[in-house]
Amino acid sequence: MQKQMVPLLAIQLAMAFITAFVLAHVISAQPNDSAYMLAGWMWFGFVLPTQVSAVVFVAQNPNG
């Protein structure tokens, strides 16, 4: 069981790094960045990692 968790935890760690990177980017965003670009970064850094974590850690049978 523990060996099966290592890849899942690695994915979660990668998602945490993406979130931290995007947060740093948003904090230091220049005024000339477009609203659409910032919205894309926010989606990539906050929504996507959350959704990936939900998919990775939910134990559901894909066959029903």
PDB file of N, CA and C in Angstrom:
ATOM      1  N   MET A   1       0.820  -1.195   0.000  1.00  0.00           N
ATOM      2  CA  MET A   1       0.000   0.000   0.000  1.00  0.00           C
ATOM      3  C   MET A   1       0.864   1.259   0.000  1.00  0.00           C
ATOM      4  N   GLN A   2       1.919   1.273   0.823  1.00  0.00           N
ATOM      5  CA  GLN A   2       2.760   2.460   0.906  1.00  0.00           C
ATOM      6  C   GLN A   2       3.540   2.687  -0.389  1.00  0.00           C
ATOM      7  N   LYS A   3       3.949   1.631  -1.056  1.00  0.00           N
ATOM      8  CA  LYS A   3       4.676   1.786  -2.315  1.00  0.00           C
ATOM      9  C   LYS A   3       3.771   2.348  -3.402  1.00  0.00           C
ATOM     10  N   GLN A   4       2.496   2.074  -3.317  1.00  0.00           N
ATOM     11  CA  GLN A   4       1.552   2.600  -4.299  1.00  0.00           C
ATOM     12  C   GLN A   4       1.299   4.091  -4.092  1.00  0.00           C
ATOM     13  N   MET A   5       1.555   4.587  -2.898  1.00  0.00           N
ATOM     14  CA  MET A   5       1.307   5.991  -2.591  1.00  0.00           C
ATOM     15  C   MET A   5       2.428   6.909  -3.063  1.00  0.00           C
ATOM     16  N   VAL A   6       3.614   6.390  -3.287  1.00  0.00           N
ATOM     17  CA  VAL A   6       4.760   7.227  -3.651  1.00  0.00           C
ATOM     18  C   VAL A   6       4.505   8.021  -4.937  1.00  0.00           C
ATOM     19  N   PRO A   7       4.030   7.415  -6.024  1.00  0.00           N
ATOM     20  CA  PRO A   7       3.768   8.226  -7.219  1.00  0.00           C
ATOM     21  C   PRO A   7       2.671   9.269  -6.998  1.00  0.00           C
ATOM     22  N   LEU A   8       1.671   8.917  -6.221  1.00  0.00           N
ATOM     23  CA  LEU A   8       0.590   9.865  -5.941  1.00  0.00           C
ATOM     24  C   LEU A   8       1.090  11.054  -5.128  1.00  0.00           C
ATOM     25  N   LEU A   9       1.938  10.774  -4.158  1.00  0.00           N
ATOM     26  CA  LEU A   9       2.501  11.863  -3.359  1.00  0.00           C
ATOM     27  C   LEU A   9       3.458  12.716  -4.186  1.00  0.00           C
ATOM     28  N   ALA A  10       4.151  12.114  -5.134  1.00  0.00           N
ATOM     29  CA  ALA A  10       5.028  12.884  -6.022  1.00  0.00           C
ATOM     30  C   ALA A  10       4.203  13.830  -6.890  1.00  0.00           C
ATOM     31  N   ILE A  11       3.059  13.360  -7.366  1.00  0.00           N
ATOM     32  CA  ILE A  11       2.166  14.225  -8.142  1.00  0.00           C
ATOM     33  C   ILE A  11       1.679  15.372  -7.274  1.00  0.00           C
ATOM     34  N   GLN A  12       1.310  15.071  -6.047  1.00  0.00           N
ATOM     35  CA  GLN A  12       0.836  16.107  -5.132  1.00  0.00           C
ATOM     36  C   GLN A  12       1.939  17.131  -4.847  1.00  0.00           C
ATOM     37  N   LEU A  13       3.169  16.680  -4.695  1.00  0.00           N
ATOM     38  CA  LEU A  13       4.289  17.590  -4.467  1.00  0.00           C
ATOM     39  C   LEU A  13       4.506  18.495  -5.683  1.00  0.00           C
ATOM     40  N   ALA A  14       4.412  17.933  -6.871  1.00  0.00           N
ATOM     41  CA  ALA A  14       4.549  18.736  -8.089  1.00  0.00           C
ATOM     42  C   ALA A  14       3.449  19.788  -8.167  1.00  0.00           C
ATOM     43  N   MET A  15       2.236  19.428  -7.799  1.00  0.00           N
ATOM     44  CA  MET A  15       1.131  20.382  -7.811  1.00  0.00           C
ATOM     45  C   MET A  15       1.356  21.497  -6.787  1.00  0.00           C
ATOM     46  N   ALA A  16       1.946  21.171  -5.643  1.00  0.00           N
ATOM     47  CA  ALA A  16       2.249  22.189  -4.638  1.00  0.00           C
ATOM     48  C   ALA A  16       3.301  23.169  -5.157  1.00  0.00           C
ATOM     49  N   PHE A  17       4.291  22.671  -5.893  1.00  0.00           N
ATOM     50  CA  PHE A  17       5.299  23.552  -6.471  1.00  0.00           C
ATOM     51  C   PHE A  17       4.683  24.462  -7.540  1.00  0.00           C
ATOM     52  N   ILE A  18       3.774  23.921  -8.330  1.00  0.00           N
ATOM     53  CA  ILE A  18       3.094  24.752  -9.331  1.00  0.00           C
ATOM     54  C   ILE A  18       2.303  25.858  -8.649  1.00  0.00           C
ATOM     55  N   THR A  19       1.599  25.523  -7.585  1.00  0.00           N
ATOM     56  CA  THR A  19       0.814  26.525  -6.865  1.00  0.00           C
ATOM     57  C   THR A  19       1.716  27.615  -6.295  1.00  0.00           C
ATOM     58  N   ALA A  20       2.832  27.226  -5.702  1.00  0.00           N
ATOM     59  CA  ALA A  20       3.755  28.214  -5.140  1.00  0.00           C
ATOM     60  C   ALA A  20       4.354  29.096  -6.233  1.00  0.00           C
ATOM     61  N   PHE A  21       4.706  28.502  -7.366  1.00  0.00           N
ATOM     62  CA  PHE A  21       5.268  29.263  -8.476  1.00  0.00           C
ATOM     63  C   PHE A  21       4.268  30.287  -8.999  1.00  0.00           C
ATOM     64  N   VAL A  22       3.036  29.863  -9.183  1.00  0.00           N
ATOM     65  CA  VAL A  22       2.017  30.768  -9.712  1.00  0.00           C
ATOM     66  C   VAL A  22       1.690  31.863  -8.709  1.00  0.00           C
ATOM     67  N   LEU A  23       1.623  31.531  -7.436  1.00  0.00           N
ATOM     68  CA  LEU A  23       1.368  32.559  -6.424  1.00  0.00           C
ATOM     69  C   LEU A  23       2.471  33.613  -6.439  1.00  0.00           C
ATOM     70  N   ALA A  24       3.725  33.182  -6.549  1.00  0.00           N
ATOM     71  CA  ALA A  24       4.829  34.137  -6.633  1.00  0.00           C
ATOM     72  C   ALA A  24       4.718  34.987  -7.899  1.00  0.00           C
ATOM     73  N   HIS A  25       4.297  34.378  -8.994  1.00  0.00           N
ATOM     74  CA  HIS A  25       4.134  35.120 -10.247  1.00  0.00           C
ATOM     75  C   HIS A  25       3.015  36.155 -10.130  1.00  0.00           C
ATOM     76  N   VAL A  26       1.915  35.779  -9.530  1.00  0.00           N
ATOM     77  CA  VAL A  26       0.774  36.694  -9.392  1.00  0.00           C
ATOM     78  C   VAL A  26       1.124  37.845  -8.457  1.00  0.00           C
ATOM     79  N   ILE A  27       1.850  37.546  -7.386  1.00  0.00           N
ATOM     80  CA  ILE A  27       2.231  38.598  -6.444  1.00  0.00           C
ATOM     81  C   ILE A  27       3.137  39.617  -7.125  1.00  0.00           C
ATOM     82  N   SER A  28       4.034  39.143  -7.974  1.00  0.00           N
ATOM     83  CA  SER A  28       4.983  40.052  -8.626  1.00  0.00           C
ATOM     84  C   SER A  28       4.528  40.476 -10.028  1.00  0.00           C
ATOM     85  N   ALA A  29       3.265  40.287 -10.342  1.00  0.00           N
ATOM     86  CA  ALA A  29       2.768  40.599 -11.683  1.00  0.00           C
ATOM     87  C   ALA A  29       2.930  42.084 -11.979  1.00  0.00           C
ATOM     88  N   GLN A  30       3.355  42.339 -13.174  1.00  0.00           N
ATOM     89  CA  GLN A  30       3.532  43.720 -13.613  1.00  0.00           C
ATOM     90  C   GLN A  30       2.184  44.291 -14.044  1.00  0.00           C
ATOM     91  N   PRO A  31       2.027  45.585 -13.939  1.00  0.00           N
ATOM     92  CA  PRO A  31       0.757  46.193 -14.362  1.00  0.00           C
ATOM     93  C   PRO A  31       0.459  46.013 -15.847  1.00  0.00           C
ATOM     94  N   ASN A  32       1.479  45.719 -16.647  1.00  0.00           N
ATOM     95  CA  ASN A  32       1.220  45.567 -18.072  1.00  0.00           C
ATOM     96  C   ASN A  32       0.758  44.160 -18.452  1.00  0.00           C
ATOM     97  N   ASP A  33       0.659  43.233 -17.484  1.00  0.00           N
ATOM     98  CA  ASP A  33       0.104  41.911 -17.776  1.00  0.00           C
ATOM     99  C   ASP A  33      -1.395  42.037 -18.001  1.00  0.00           C
ATOM    100  N   SER A  34      -1.902  41.336 -19.001  1.00  0.00           N
ATOM    101  CA  SER A  34      -3.323  41.430 -19.294  1.00  0.00           C
ATOM    102  C   SER A  34      -4.129  40.648 -18.256  1.00  0.00           C
ATOM    103  N   ALA A  35      -5.379  41.010 -18.133  1.00  0.00           N
ATOM    104  CA  ALA A  35      -6.270  40.326 -17.193  1.00  0.00           C
ATOM    105  C   ALA A  35      -6.453  38.866 -17.601  1.00  0.00           C
ATOM    106  N   TYR A  36      -6.479  38.598 -18.899  1.00  0.00           N
ATOM    107  CA  TYR A  36      -6.641  37.229 -19.376  1.00  0.00           C
ATOM    108  C   TYR A  36      -5.414  36.371 -19.040  1.00  0.00           C
ATOM    109  N   MET A  37      -4.250  36.956 -19.145  1.00  0.00           N
ATOM    110  CA  MET A  37      -3.031  36.229 -18.807  1.00  0.00           C
ATOM    111  C   MET A  37      -3.010  35.889 -17.315  1.00  0.00           C
ATOM    112  N   LEU A  38      -3.354  36.861 -16.484  1.00  0.00           N
ATOM    113  CA  LEU A  38      -3.400  36.597 -15.045  1.00  0.00           C
ATOM    114  C   LEU A  38      -4.473  35.564 -14.705  1.00  0.00           C
ATOM    115  N   ALA A  39      -5.610  35.624 -15.380  1.00  0.00           N
ATOM    116  CA  ALA A  39      -6.668  34.633 -15.143  1.00  0.00           C
ATOM    117  C   ALA A  39      -6.190  33.235 -15.540  1.00  0.00           C
ATOM    118  N   GLY A  40      -5.458  33.135 -16.645  1.00  0.00           N
ATOM    119  CA  GLY A  40      -4.908  31.844 -17.051  1.00  0.00           C
ATOM    120  C   GLY A  40      -3.914  31.299 -16.041  1.00  0.00           C
ATOM    121  N   TRP A  41      -3.050  32.169 -15.532  1.00  0.00           N
ATOM    122  CA  TRP A  41      -2.099  31.746 -14.502  1.00  0.00           C
ATOM    123  C   TRP A  41      -2.820  31.305 -13.237  1.00  0.00           C
ATOM    124  N   MET A  42      -3.866  32.030 -12.870  1.00  0.00           N
ATOM    125  CA  MET A  42      -4.621  31.663 -11.666  1.00  0.00           C
ATOM    126  C   MET A  42      -5.276  30.299 -11.839  1.00  0.00           C
ATOM    127  N   TRP A  43      -5.856  30.057 -13.023  1.00  0.00           N
ATOM    128  CA  TRP A  43      -6.470  28.749 -13.269  1.00  0.00           C
ATOM    129  C   TRP A  43      -5.409  27.657 -13.191  1.00  0.00           C
ATOM    130  N   PHE A  44      -4.273  27.888 -13.871  1.00  0.00           N
ATOM    131  CA  PHE A  44      -3.209  26.892 -13.912  1.00  0.00           C
ATOM    132  C   PHE A  44      -2.626  26.621 -12.527  1.00  0.00           C
ATOM    133  N   GLY A  45      -2.529  27.656 -11.702  1.00  0.00           N
ATOM    134  CA  GLY A  45      -1.874  27.499 -10.408  1.00  0.00           C
ATOM    135  C   GLY A  45      -2.768  27.105  -9.258  1.00  0.00           C
ATOM    136  N   PHE A  46      -4.064  27.390  -9.357  1.00  0.00           N
ATOM    137  CA  PHE A  46      -4.933  27.144  -8.215  1.00  0.00           C
ATOM    138  C   PHE A  46      -6.052  26.139  -8.512  1.00  0.00           C
ATOM    139  N   VAL A  47      -6.680  26.233  -9.651  1.00  0.00           N
ATOM    140  CA  VAL A  47      -7.782  25.327  -9.975  1.00  0.00           C
ATOM    141  C   VAL A  47      -7.257  23.976 -10.435  1.00  0.00           C
ATOM    142  N   LEU A  48      -6.320  23.976 -11.367  1.00  0.00           N
ATOM    143  CA  LEU A  48      -5.792  22.721 -11.904  1.00  0.00           C
ATOM    144  C   LEU A  48      -5.169  21.829 -10.819  1.00  0.00           C
ATOM    145  N   PRO A  49      -4.272  22.337  -9.951  1.00  0.00           N
ATOM    146  CA  PRO A  49      -3.724  21.452  -8.915  1.00  0.00           C
ATOM    147  C   PRO A  49      -4.786  20.891  -7.971  1.00  0.00           C
ATOM    148  N   THR A  50      -5.793  21.686  -7.673  1.00  0.00           N
ATOM    149  CA  THR A  50      -6.862  21.206  -6.803  1.00  0.00           C
ATOM    150  C   THR A  50      -7.630  20.069  -7.472  1.00  0.00           C
ATOM    151  N   GLN A  51      -7.924  20.226  -8.740  1.00  0.00           N
ATOM    152  CA  GLN A  51      -8.651  19.184  -9.463  1.00  0.00           C
ATOM    153  C   GLN A  51      -7.806  17.925  -9.629  1.00  0.00           C
ATOM    154  N   VAL A  52      -6.517  18.089  -9.900  1.00  0.00           N
ATOM    155  CA  VAL A  52      -5.638  16.920 -10.027  1.00  0.00           C
ATOM    156  C   VAL A  52      -5.567  16.168  -8.708  1.00  0.00           C
ATOM    157  N   SER A  53      -5.468  16.884  -7.602  1.00  0.00           N
ATOM    158  CA  SER A  53      -5.431  16.234  -6.289  1.00  0.00           C
ATOM    159  C   SER A  53      -6.717  15.464  -6.024  1.00  0.00           C
ATOM    160  N   ALA A  54      -7.844  16.044  -6.407  1.00  0.00           N
ATOM    161  CA  ALA A  54      -9.115  15.351  -6.209  1.00  0.00           C
ATOM    162  C   ALA A  54      -9.165  14.063  -7.026  1.00  0.00           C
ATOM    163  N   VAL A  55      -8.673  14.099  -8.244  1.00  0.00           N
ATOM    164  CA  VAL A  55      -8.679  12.910  -9.098  1.00  0.00           C
ATOM    165  C   VAL A  55      -7.715  11.862  -8.571  1.00  0.00           C
ATOM    166  N   VAL A  56      -6.551  12.291  -8.107  1.00  0.00           N
ATOM    167  CA  VAL A  56      -5.521  11.358  -7.661  1.00  0.00           C
ATOM    168  C   VAL A  56      -5.939  10.627  -6.395  1.00  0.00           C
ATOM    169  N   PHE A  57      -6.542  11.312  -5.450  1.00  0.00           N
ATOM    170  CA  PHE A  57      -6.786  10.726  -4.144  1.00  0.00           C
ATOM    171  C   PHE A  57      -8.192  10.177  -3.937  1.00  0.00           C
ATOM    172  N   VAL A  58      -9.086  10.309  -4.908  1.00  0.00           N
ATOM    173  CA  VAL A  58     -10.425   9.720  -4.784  1.00  0.00           C
ATOM    174  C   VAL A  58     -10.348   8.284  -5.265  1.00  0.00           C
ATOM    175  N   ALA A  59     -10.727   7.381  -4.400  1.00  0.00           N
ATOM    176  CA  ALA A  59     -10.660   5.950  -4.742  1.00  0.00           C
ATOM    177  C   ALA A  59     -12.012   5.511  -5.291  1.00  0.00           C
ATOM    178  N   GLN A  60     -12.170   5.643  -6.600  1.00  0.00           N
ATOM    179  CA  GLN A  60     -13.396   5.196  -7.249  1.00  0.00           C
ATOM    180  C   GLN A  60     -13.043   4.207  -8.341  1.00  0.00           C
ATOM    181  N   ASN A  61     -13.915   3.281  -8.542  1.00  0.00           N
ATOM    182  CA  ASN A  61     -13.734   2.312  -9.606  1.00  0.00           C
ATOM    183  C   ASN A  61     -14.184   2.960 -10.915  1.00  0.00           C
ATOM    184  N   PRO A  62     -13.310   3.071 -11.913  1.00  0.00           N
ATOM    185  CA  PRO A  62     -13.705   3.747 -13.159  1.00  0.00           C
ATOM    186  C   PRO A  62     -14.758   2.959 -13.948  1.00  0.00           C
ATOM    187  N   ASN A  63     -14.961   1.705 -13.628  1.00  0.00           N
ATOM    188  CA  ASN A  63     -15.943   0.893 -14.350  1.00  0.00           C
ATOM    189  C   ASN A  63     -17.340   0.988 -13.746  1.00  0.00           C
ATOM    190  N   GLY A  64     -17.477   1.784 -12.698  1.00  0.00           N
ATOM    191  CA  GLY A  64     -18.814   1.952 -12.135  1.00  0.00           C
ATOM    192  C   GLY A  64     -18.905   1.445 -10.808  1.00  0.00           C
TER     193      GLY A  64
END
